[in-house]
Amino acid sequence: MPRNVEIKAAVRDRDQLILNAKRLSKSEGVLIMQEDTFFNVLKGRLKLRNLKNGSGQLIFYQRADMDGPKLSDYSISPTADPDGLTKVLSDALGVKGVVKKERWLYMVGQTRVHVDQVQGLGSFMELEVVLGEDQSLEEGEAIAQSLMEELGVKKEDLVTGAYMDLILTNK
């Protein structure tokens, strides 16, 4: 199963974060519109990501709910029918909730830097350090910590859990 080290944080200055991400990635980034439907499951999290372009991804992942760098094990399966698959999974498992976001993606080495505007929550940043088979959790954590500093992310802004958890908590 693929693994990555993740960090999520609330964003204080979105414009500055985007400038930092552009500088580090040497790119303008890619805008991705996403609607994630989370389903009721006994372990981990299962979501269907609708990319709003006729494609999607079924994603299962497990990670600890803590702030700071955390290991995430995941598997992804693409779909050409996200609406149909959402209907089938909704009928079978029930829907936990939906997260809608505008995501800017910047690649910095082996790390995906996401700058997200999440409907109902605000601005956030995620780092996903994709680990190679020979890389340790500690190596991924070191990369994530270094990028946090370069992006200007403060430790006190770190967030635990998923956006879905934050939405459910705010209800």
N, C-alpha and C. Protein backbone atom coordinates (compact mmCIF):
# COMPACT_ATOMS: atom_id res chain seq x y z
N MET A 1 0.85 -1.18 0.00
CA MET A 1 0.00 0.00 0.00
C MET A 1 0.90 1.24 0.00
N PRO A 2 0.64 2.22 -0.88
CA PRO A 2 1.44 3.45 -0.87
C PRO A 2 1.32 4.16 0.47
N ARG A 3 2.35 4.96 0.78
CA ARG A 3 2.38 5.70 2.04
C ARG A 3 2.83 7.13 1.79
N ASN A 4 2.34 8.02 2.63
CA ASN A 4 2.87 9.37 2.62
C ASN A 4 2.85 9.92 4.03
N VAL A 5 3.58 11.00 4.22
CA VAL A 5 3.57 11.73 5.49
C VAL A 5 2.79 13.01 5.22
N GLU A 6 1.78 13.26 6.05
CA GLU A 6 0.91 14.40 5.83
C GLU A 6 0.97 15.40 6.96
N ILE A 7 0.78 16.65 6.58
CA ILE A 7 0.60 17.75 7.52
C ILE A 7 -0.57 18.58 7.01
N LYS A 8 -1.43 19.00 7.92
CA LYS A 8 -2.53 19.90 7.56
C LYS A 8 -2.51 21.06 8.54
N ALA A 9 -2.74 22.28 8.00
CA ALA A 9 -2.72 23.46 8.86
C ALA A 9 -3.73 24.48 8.36
N ALA A 10 -4.26 25.24 9.30
CA ALA A 10 -5.08 26.40 8.93
C ALA A 10 -4.14 27.45 8.35
N VAL A 11 -4.66 28.26 7.44
CA VAL A 11 -3.84 29.27 6.76
C VAL A 11 -4.22 30.66 7.26
N ARG A 12 -3.20 31.41 7.68
CA ARG A 12 -3.43 32.78 8.13
C ARG A 12 -3.35 33.77 6.97
N ASP A 13 -2.36 33.59 6.10
CA ASP A 13 -2.13 34.50 4.98
C ASP A 13 -2.04 33.68 3.70
N ARG A 14 -3.19 33.47 3.06
CA ARG A 14 -3.26 32.61 1.87
C ARG A 14 -2.40 33.14 0.73
N ASP A 15 -2.42 34.46 0.51
CA ASP A 15 -1.64 35.04 -0.58
C ASP A 15 -0.15 34.78 -0.40
N GLN A 16 0.36 34.94 0.83
CA GLN A 16 1.78 34.69 1.09
C GLN A 16 2.12 33.22 0.93
N LEU A 17 1.23 32.34 1.40
CA LEU A 17 1.46 30.91 1.26
C LEU A 17 1.55 30.53 -0.22
N ILE A 18 0.65 31.07 -1.04
CA ILE A 18 0.67 30.79 -2.47
C ILE A 18 1.96 31.30 -3.11
N LEU A 19 2.39 32.49 -2.73
CA LEU A 19 3.67 33.02 -3.25
C LEU A 19 4.83 32.09 -2.89
N ASN A 20 4.86 31.63 -1.64
CA ASN A 20 5.91 30.71 -1.20
C ASN A 20 5.86 29.39 -1.96
N ALA A 21 4.64 28.86 -2.16
CA ALA A 21 4.47 27.59 -2.87
C ALA A 21 4.91 27.73 -4.33
N LYS A 22 4.56 28.84 -4.97
CA LYS A 22 4.98 29.08 -6.36
C LYS A 22 6.51 29.15 -6.45
N ARG A 23 7.12 29.84 -5.51
CA ARG A 23 8.58 29.98 -5.51
C ARG A 23 9.25 28.61 -5.33
N LEU A 24 8.79 27.84 -4.38
CA LEU A 24 9.41 26.53 -4.09
C LEU A 24 9.17 25.52 -5.21
N SER A 25 7.99 25.59 -5.84
CA SER A 25 7.66 24.63 -6.89
C SER A 25 8.14 25.09 -8.27
N LYS A 26 8.49 26.36 -8.34
CA LYS A 26 8.88 26.96 -9.63
C LYS A 26 7.77 26.77 -10.66
N SER A 27 6.51 26.94 -10.20
CA SER A 27 5.35 26.78 -11.09
C SER A 27 4.22 27.67 -10.62
N GLU A 28 3.24 27.81 -11.49
CA GLU A 28 2.03 28.56 -11.15
C GLU A 28 1.01 27.68 -10.43
N GLY A 29 1.27 26.38 -10.38
CA GLY A 29 0.34 25.45 -9.75
C GLY A 29 -0.80 25.06 -10.67
N VAL A 30 -1.60 24.12 -10.21
CA VAL A 30 -2.74 23.61 -10.98
C VAL A 30 -3.98 23.73 -10.10
N LEU A 31 -5.05 24.31 -10.66
CA LEU A 31 -6.31 24.42 -9.94
C LEU A 31 -7.14 23.16 -10.16
N ILE A 32 -7.63 22.56 -9.06
CA ILE A 32 -8.45 21.35 -9.13
C ILE A 32 -9.70 21.59 -8.28
N MET A 33 -10.86 21.43 -8.91
CA MET A 33 -12.12 21.51 -8.17
C MET A 33 -12.45 20.10 -7.69
N GLN A 34 -12.76 19.96 -6.40
CA GLN A 34 -13.01 18.63 -5.84
C GLN A 34 -14.25 18.62 -4.98
N GLU A 35 -14.97 17.51 -5.07
CA GLU A 35 -16.08 17.23 -4.16
C GLU A 35 -15.86 15.82 -3.64
N ASP A 36 -15.57 15.72 -2.36
CA ASP A 36 -15.29 14.43 -1.72
C ASP A 36 -16.51 13.99 -0.92
N THR A 37 -17.04 12.82 -1.28
CA THR A 37 -18.14 12.23 -0.52
C THR A 37 -17.56 11.13 0.36
N PHE A 38 -17.71 11.28 1.66
CA PHE A 38 -17.20 10.30 2.62
C PHE A 38 -18.31 9.33 2.98
N PHE A 39 -17.93 8.06 3.05
CA PHE A 39 -18.90 7.00 3.34
C PHE A 39 -18.65 6.41 4.71
N ASN A 40 -19.68 5.83 5.29
CA ASN A 40 -19.58 5.18 6.59
C ASN A 40 -18.84 3.85 6.44
N VAL A 41 -17.72 3.73 7.13
CA VAL A 41 -16.94 2.49 7.11
C VAL A 41 -16.47 2.19 8.53
N LEU A 42 -16.11 0.92 8.77
CA LEU A 42 -15.72 0.49 10.11
C LEU A 42 -14.31 0.91 10.48
N LYS A 43 -13.42 1.01 9.49
CA LYS A 43 -12.05 1.43 9.79
C LYS A 43 -11.57 2.39 8.72
N GLY A 44 -10.66 3.28 9.10
CA GLY A 44 -10.12 4.24 8.15
C GLY A 44 -11.18 5.16 7.60
N ARG A 45 -10.89 5.71 6.42
CA ARG A 45 -11.81 6.62 5.74
C ARG A 45 -11.93 6.19 4.29
N LEU A 46 -13.14 6.25 3.76
CA LEU A 46 -13.40 5.93 2.36
C LEU A 46 -14.12 7.12 1.76
N LYS A 47 -13.54 7.63 0.66
CA LYS A 47 -14.18 8.77 0.00
C LYS A 47 -14.14 8.59 -1.50
N LEU A 48 -15.13 9.17 -2.15
CA LEU A 48 -15.16 9.22 -3.60
C LEU A 48 -14.89 10.66 -3.96
N ARG A 49 -13.78 10.90 -4.64
CA ARG A 49 -13.41 12.25 -5.06
C ARG A 49 -13.92 12.48 -6.47
N ASN A 50 -14.86 13.41 -6.61
CA ASN A 50 -15.38 13.80 -7.91
C ASN A 50 -14.57 15.03 -8.35
N LEU A 51 -13.84 14.90 -9.45
CA LEU A 51 -12.97 15.97 -9.93
C LEU A 51 -13.71 16.97 -10.82
N LYS A 52 -15.01 16.77 -10.97
CA LYS A 52 -15.88 17.71 -11.69
C LYS A 52 -15.50 17.87 -13.15
N ASN A 53 -14.85 16.84 -13.71
CA ASN A 53 -14.49 16.86 -15.13
C ASN A 53 -14.85 15.53 -15.79
N GLY A 54 -15.75 14.77 -15.13
CA GLY A 54 -16.14 13.46 -15.65
C GLY A 54 -15.30 12.33 -15.12
N SER A 55 -14.33 12.65 -14.27
CA SER A 55 -13.50 11.60 -13.68
C SER A 55 -13.51 11.73 -12.16
N GLY A 56 -13.02 10.68 -11.52
CA GLY A 56 -12.97 10.68 -10.07
C GLY A 56 -12.03 9.61 -9.57
N GLN A 57 -11.93 9.53 -8.25
CA GLN A 57 -11.07 8.55 -7.60
C GLN A 57 -11.76 8.04 -6.35
N LEU A 58 -11.76 6.72 -6.19
CA LEU A 58 -12.19 6.12 -4.93
C LEU A 58 -10.93 5.97 -4.09
N ILE A 59 -10.94 6.55 -2.89
CA ILE A 59 -9.74 6.61 -2.05
C ILE A 59 -10.06 6.04 -0.67
N PHE A 60 -9.25 5.08 -0.25
CA PHE A 60 -9.32 4.56 1.11
C PHE A 60 -8.02 4.94 1.79
N TYR A 61 -8.10 5.46 3.02
CA TYR A 61 -6.87 5.77 3.74
C TYR A 61 -7.05 5.62 5.24
N GLN A 62 -5.91 5.38 5.88
CA GLN A 62 -5.85 5.26 7.34
C GLN A 62 -4.70 6.12 7.82
N ARG A 63 -4.96 6.93 8.85
CA ARG A 63 -3.90 7.71 9.48
C ARG A 63 -4.37 8.12 10.87
N ALA A 64 -3.41 8.40 11.71
CA ALA A 64 -3.71 8.83 13.07
C ALA A 64 -4.27 10.25 13.03
N ASP A 65 -5.18 10.56 13.95
CA ASP A 65 -5.71 11.91 14.07
C ASP A 65 -4.88 12.65 15.11
N MET A 66 -3.83 13.31 14.61
CA MET A 66 -2.95 14.10 15.49
C MET A 66 -2.40 15.23 14.66
N ASP A 67 -1.95 16.31 15.34
CA ASP A 67 -1.36 17.38 14.56
C ASP A 67 0.10 17.03 14.26
N GLY A 68 0.70 17.77 13.36
CA GLY A 68 2.08 17.47 12.96
C GLY A 68 2.12 16.37 11.92
N PRO A 69 3.33 15.96 11.56
CA PRO A 69 3.47 14.91 10.53
C PRO A 69 2.88 13.59 10.99
N LYS A 70 2.15 12.95 10.08
CA LYS A 70 1.55 11.65 10.40
C LYS A 70 1.59 10.77 9.17
N LEU A 71 1.79 9.48 9.41
CA LEU A 71 1.86 8.50 8.33
C LEU A 71 0.45 8.19 7.86
N SER A 72 0.27 8.13 6.54
CA SER A 72 -1.00 7.78 5.94
C SER A 72 -0.77 6.65 4.95
N ASP A 73 -1.49 5.54 5.15
CA ASP A 73 -1.50 4.43 4.19
C ASP A 73 -2.76 4.60 3.35
N TYR A 74 -2.62 4.46 2.03
CA TYR A 74 -3.78 4.71 1.18
C TYR A 74 -3.78 3.83 -0.06
N SER A 75 -4.96 3.71 -0.66
CA SER A 75 -5.08 3.08 -1.96
C SER A 75 -6.10 3.89 -2.75
N ILE A 76 -5.86 3.99 -4.06
CA ILE A 76 -6.67 4.82 -4.95
C ILE A 76 -7.06 4.01 -6.18
N SER A 77 -8.33 4.14 -6.59
CA SER A 77 -8.79 3.53 -7.83
C SER A 77 -9.52 4.60 -8.64
N PRO A 78 -9.06 4.85 -9.86
CA PRO A 78 -9.74 5.86 -10.70
C PRO A 78 -11.10 5.36 -11.18
N THR A 79 -11.98 6.32 -11.48
CA THR A 79 -13.28 5.98 -12.04
C THR A 79 -13.65 7.00 -13.12
N ALA A 80 -14.32 6.53 -14.15
CA ALA A 80 -14.83 7.41 -15.20
C ALA A 80 -16.30 7.74 -14.95
N ASP A 81 -16.86 7.23 -13.84
CA ASP A 81 -18.27 7.47 -13.50
C ASP A 81 -18.40 7.80 -12.02
N PRO A 82 -17.87 8.96 -11.60
CA PRO A 82 -17.94 9.28 -10.18
C PRO A 82 -19.36 9.43 -9.65
N ASP A 83 -20.27 9.96 -10.46
CA ASP A 83 -21.65 10.12 -9.98
C ASP A 83 -22.32 8.77 -9.75
N GLY A 84 -22.13 7.85 -10.70
CA GLY A 84 -22.73 6.52 -10.56
C GLY A 84 -22.15 5.76 -9.38
N LEU A 85 -20.84 5.84 -9.20
CA LEU A 85 -20.18 5.15 -8.09
C LEU A 85 -20.60 5.77 -6.75
N THR A 86 -20.75 7.07 -6.71
CA THR A 86 -21.23 7.72 -5.50
C THR A 86 -22.61 7.21 -5.12
N LYS A 87 -23.48 7.05 -6.10
CA LYS A 87 -24.84 6.55 -5.85
C LYS A 87 -24.80 5.13 -5.28
N VAL A 88 -24.00 4.26 -5.90
CA VAL A 88 -23.92 2.86 -5.43
C VAL A 88 -23.37 2.80 -4.01
N LEU A 89 -22.28 3.52 -3.74
CA LEU A 89 -21.68 3.49 -2.40
C LEU A 89 -22.58 4.15 -1.37
N SER A 90 -23.29 5.20 -1.76
CA SER A 90 -24.24 5.84 -0.85
C SER A 90 -25.34 4.87 -0.44
N ASP A 91 -25.87 4.14 -1.42
CA ASP A 91 -26.92 3.16 -1.13
C ASP A 91 -26.40 2.03 -0.23
N ALA A 92 -25.17 1.61 -0.47
CA ALA A 92 -24.61 0.46 0.26
C ALA A 92 -24.11 0.82 1.65
N LEU A 93 -23.46 1.98 1.78
CA LEU A 93 -22.76 2.30 3.03
C LEU A 93 -23.34 3.48 3.80
N GLY A 94 -24.05 4.34 3.12
CA GLY A 94 -24.52 5.58 3.73
C GLY A 94 -23.43 6.64 3.66
N VAL A 95 -23.85 7.89 3.59
CA VAL A 95 -22.93 9.02 3.46
C VAL A 95 -22.67 9.65 4.81
N LYS A 96 -21.40 9.80 5.14
CA LYS A 96 -20.99 10.49 6.36
C LYS A 96 -21.08 12.00 6.16
N GLY A 97 -20.70 12.45 4.95
CA GLY A 97 -20.74 13.88 4.65
C GLY A 97 -20.01 14.18 3.36
N VAL A 98 -20.05 15.45 2.96
CA VAL A 98 -19.44 15.89 1.70
C VAL A 98 -18.55 17.09 1.98
N VAL A 99 -17.36 17.08 1.36
CA VAL A 99 -16.42 18.20 1.45
C VAL A 99 -16.21 18.75 0.04
N LYS A 100 -16.50 20.05 -0.13
CA LYS A 100 -16.28 20.71 -1.41
C LYS A 100 -15.13 21.69 -1.26
N LYS A 101 -14.18 21.61 -2.22
CA LYS A 101 -13.02 22.49 -2.10
C LYS A 101 -12.45 22.88 -3.46
N GLU A 102 -11.80 24.03 -3.44
CA GLU A 102 -10.99 24.51 -4.54
C GLU A 102 -9.55 24.28 -4.09
N ARG A 103 -8.80 23.51 -4.86
CA ARG A 103 -7.45 23.12 -4.45
C ARG A 103 -6.43 23.60 -5.48
N TRP A 104 -5.42 24.29 -5.00
CA TRP A 104 -4.24 24.61 -5.82
C TRP A 104 -3.17 23.60 -5.46
N LEU A 105 -2.62 22.93 -6.48
CA LEU A 105 -1.60 21.91 -6.28
C LEU A 105 -0.27 22.42 -6.80
N TYR A 106 0.75 22.32 -5.95
CA TYR A 106 2.13 22.66 -6.29
C TYR A 106 3.01 21.47 -5.95
N MET A 107 3.86 21.05 -6.86
CA MET A 107 4.78 19.94 -6.60
C MET A 107 6.14 20.51 -6.19
N VAL A 108 6.63 20.08 -5.03
CA VAL A 108 7.95 20.47 -4.54
C VAL A 108 8.70 19.17 -4.28
N GLY A 109 9.54 18.77 -5.24
CA GLY A 109 10.23 17.49 -5.13
C GLY A 109 9.20 16.37 -5.08
N GLN A 110 9.27 15.56 -4.04
CA GLN A 110 8.35 14.43 -3.89
C GLN A 110 7.11 14.79 -3.08
N THR A 111 6.91 16.09 -2.86
CA THR A 111 5.82 16.53 -1.99
C THR A 111 4.76 17.28 -2.76
N ARG A 112 3.50 16.91 -2.51
CA ARG A 112 2.36 17.65 -3.03
C ARG A 112 1.99 18.71 -1.99
N VAL A 113 2.03 19.96 -2.41
CA VAL A 113 1.62 21.07 -1.55
C VAL A 113 0.24 21.50 -2.03
N HIS A 114 -0.75 21.40 -1.15
CA HIS A 114 -2.12 21.78 -1.49
C HIS A 114 -2.47 23.06 -0.74
N VAL A 115 -3.02 24.02 -1.45
CA VAL A 115 -3.60 25.21 -0.83
C VAL A 115 -5.09 25.11 -1.12
N ASP A 116 -5.87 24.88 -0.07
CA ASP A 116 -7.29 24.56 -0.22
C ASP A 116 -8.18 25.67 0.32
N GLN A 117 -9.25 25.95 -0.42
CA GLN A 117 -10.35 26.78 0.07
C GLN A 117 -11.52 25.82 0.24
N VAL A 118 -11.85 25.51 1.49
CA VAL A 118 -12.85 24.49 1.80
C VAL A 118 -14.18 25.17 2.15
N GLN A 119 -15.22 24.79 1.41
CA GLN A 119 -16.54 25.38 1.62
C GLN A 119 -16.98 25.15 3.07
N GLY A 120 -17.33 26.24 3.75
CA GLY A 120 -17.80 26.16 5.13
C GLY A 120 -16.71 26.13 6.18
N LEU A 121 -15.44 26.03 5.76
CA LEU A 121 -14.34 25.97 6.74
C LEU A 121 -13.31 27.08 6.58
N GLY A 122 -12.96 27.42 5.34
CA GLY A 122 -11.94 28.45 5.12
C GLY A 122 -10.72 27.91 4.40
N SER A 123 -9.57 28.56 4.64
CA SER A 123 -8.33 28.24 3.93
C SER A 123 -7.44 27.31 4.76
N PHE A 124 -6.88 26.32 4.05
CA PHE A 124 -6.00 25.34 4.68
C PHE A 124 -4.86 25.01 3.74
N MET A 125 -3.84 24.39 4.29
CA MET A 125 -2.70 23.91 3.54
C MET A 125 -2.46 22.46 3.94
N GLU A 126 -2.16 21.63 2.95
CA GLU A 126 -1.78 20.24 3.22
C GLU A 126 -0.46 19.97 2.53
N LEU A 127 0.38 19.23 3.22
CA LEU A 127 1.60 18.68 2.61
C LEU A 127 1.44 17.18 2.58
N GLU A 128 1.76 16.57 1.45
CA GLU A 128 1.77 15.12 1.33
C GLU A 128 3.13 14.72 0.77
N VAL A 129 4.01 14.25 1.65
CA VAL A 129 5.32 13.77 1.24
C VAL A 129 5.15 12.32 0.84
N VAL A 130 5.20 12.04 -0.46
CA VAL A 130 5.01 10.68 -0.97
C VAL A 130 6.31 9.91 -0.74
N LEU A 131 6.23 8.86 0.08
CA LEU A 131 7.43 8.10 0.46
C LEU A 131 7.77 7.06 -0.60
N GLY A 132 9.05 6.97 -0.92
CA GLY A 132 9.54 5.88 -1.75
C GLY A 132 9.59 4.61 -0.92
N GLU A 133 9.67 3.48 -1.58
CA GLU A 133 9.67 2.20 -0.86
C GLU A 133 10.81 2.11 0.16
N ASP A 134 11.93 2.76 -0.14
CA ASP A 134 13.10 2.67 0.72
C ASP A 134 13.18 3.81 1.73
N GLN A 135 12.17 4.68 1.77
CA GLN A 135 12.21 5.82 2.69
C GLN A 135 11.48 5.52 3.98
N SER A 136 12.03 6.03 5.08
CA SER A 136 11.44 5.83 6.39
C SER A 136 10.46 6.96 6.72
N LEU A 137 9.64 6.69 7.72
CA LEU A 137 8.72 7.70 8.23
C LEU A 137 9.51 8.93 8.69
N GLU A 138 10.66 8.71 9.31
CA GLU A 138 11.47 9.81 9.82
C GLU A 138 11.97 10.70 8.69
N GLU A 139 12.34 10.11 7.56
CA GLU A 139 12.77 10.91 6.41
C GLU A 139 11.62 11.78 5.91
N GLY A 140 10.44 11.19 5.81
CA GLY A 140 9.27 11.95 5.38
C GLY A 140 8.93 13.07 6.33
N GLU A 141 9.04 12.80 7.63
CA GLU A 141 8.76 13.83 8.63
C GLU A 141 9.75 14.98 8.52
N ALA A 142 11.02 14.67 8.28
CA ALA A 142 12.05 15.71 8.15
C ALA A 142 11.77 16.60 6.93
N ILE A 143 11.37 15.98 5.83
CA ILE A 143 11.03 16.75 4.62
C ILE A 143 9.83 17.65 4.91
N ALA A 144 8.80 17.09 5.56
CA ALA A 144 7.60 17.86 5.87
C ALA A 144 7.91 19.04 6.79
N GLN A 145 8.70 18.80 7.83
CA GLN A 145 9.07 19.88 8.77
C GLN A 145 9.82 21.00 8.05
N SER A 146 10.76 20.62 7.19
CA SER A 146 11.54 21.61 6.45
C SER A 146 10.63 22.44 5.54
N LEU A 147 9.73 21.78 4.83
CA LEU A 147 8.81 22.51 3.95
C LEU A 147 7.86 23.41 4.72
N MET A 148 7.42 22.95 5.89
CA MET A 148 6.57 23.79 6.73
C MET A 148 7.25 25.12 7.00
N GLU A 149 8.53 25.04 7.38
CA GLU A 149 9.29 26.26 7.69
C GLU A 149 9.44 27.13 6.45
N GLU A 150 9.78 26.52 5.30
CA GLU A 150 9.97 27.28 4.07
C GLU A 150 8.68 27.93 3.58
N LEU A 151 7.54 27.30 3.86
CA LEU A 151 6.25 27.85 3.46
C LEU A 151 5.71 28.87 4.44
N GLY A 152 6.32 28.94 5.64
CA GLY A 152 5.87 29.88 6.65
C GLY A 152 4.71 29.37 7.49
N VAL A 153 4.56 28.04 7.60
CA VAL A 153 3.48 27.45 8.38
C VAL A 153 3.92 27.31 9.83
N LYS A 154 3.09 27.78 10.74
CA LYS A 154 3.40 27.75 12.18
C LYS A 154 2.84 26.49 12.83
N LYS A 155 3.58 25.97 13.81
CA LYS A 155 3.13 24.76 14.52
C LYS A 155 1.77 24.93 15.17
N GLU A 156 1.48 26.14 15.66
CA GLU A 156 0.20 26.37 16.33
C GLU A 156 -1.00 26.34 15.36
N ASP A 157 -0.73 26.36 14.06
CA ASP A 157 -1.81 26.30 13.07
C ASP A 157 -2.11 24.87 12.59
N LEU A 158 -1.34 23.89 13.08
CA LEU A 158 -1.56 22.51 12.65
C LEU A 158 -2.93 22.02 13.07
N VAL A 159 -3.51 21.16 12.23
CA VAL A 159 -4.86 20.66 12.42
C VAL A 159 -4.83 19.13 12.46
N THR A 160 -5.66 18.54 13.31
CA THR A 160 -5.79 17.09 13.34
C THR A 160 -6.98 16.67 12.50
N GLY A 161 -7.00 15.42 12.09
CA GLY A 161 -8.16 14.88 11.39
C GLY A 161 -8.29 15.36 9.96
N ALA A 162 -9.44 15.02 9.38
CA ALA A 162 -9.74 15.35 7.98
C ALA A 162 -10.70 16.53 7.95
N TYR A 163 -10.84 17.15 6.77
CA TYR A 163 -11.82 18.22 6.62
C TYR A 163 -13.21 17.74 7.02
N MET A 164 -13.52 16.50 6.69
CA MET A 164 -14.83 15.95 7.05
C MET A 164 -15.04 16.01 8.55
N ASP A 165 -14.00 15.69 9.34
CA ASP A 165 -14.09 15.74 10.79
C ASP A 165 -14.37 17.17 11.26
N LEU A 166 -13.67 18.12 10.65
CA LEU A 166 -13.86 19.54 11.03
C LEU A 166 -15.27 20.01 10.70
N ILE A 167 -15.79 19.59 9.56
CA ILE A 167 -17.15 19.97 9.18
C ILE A 167 -18.16 19.37 10.17
N LEU A 168 -17.98 18.10 10.51
CA LEU A 168 -18.91 17.45 11.45
C LEU A 168 -18.83 18.08 12.84
N THR A 169 -17.64 18.51 13.25
CA THR A 169 -17.45 19.16 14.55
C THR A 169 -18.13 20.51 14.59
N ASN A 170 -18.13 21.23 13.46
CA ASN A 170 -18.72 22.57 13.39
C ASN A 170 -20.24 22.58 13.32
N LYS A 171 -20.86 21.40 13.12
CA LYS A 171 -22.33 21.35 13.01
C LYS A 171 -22.99 21.56 14.35
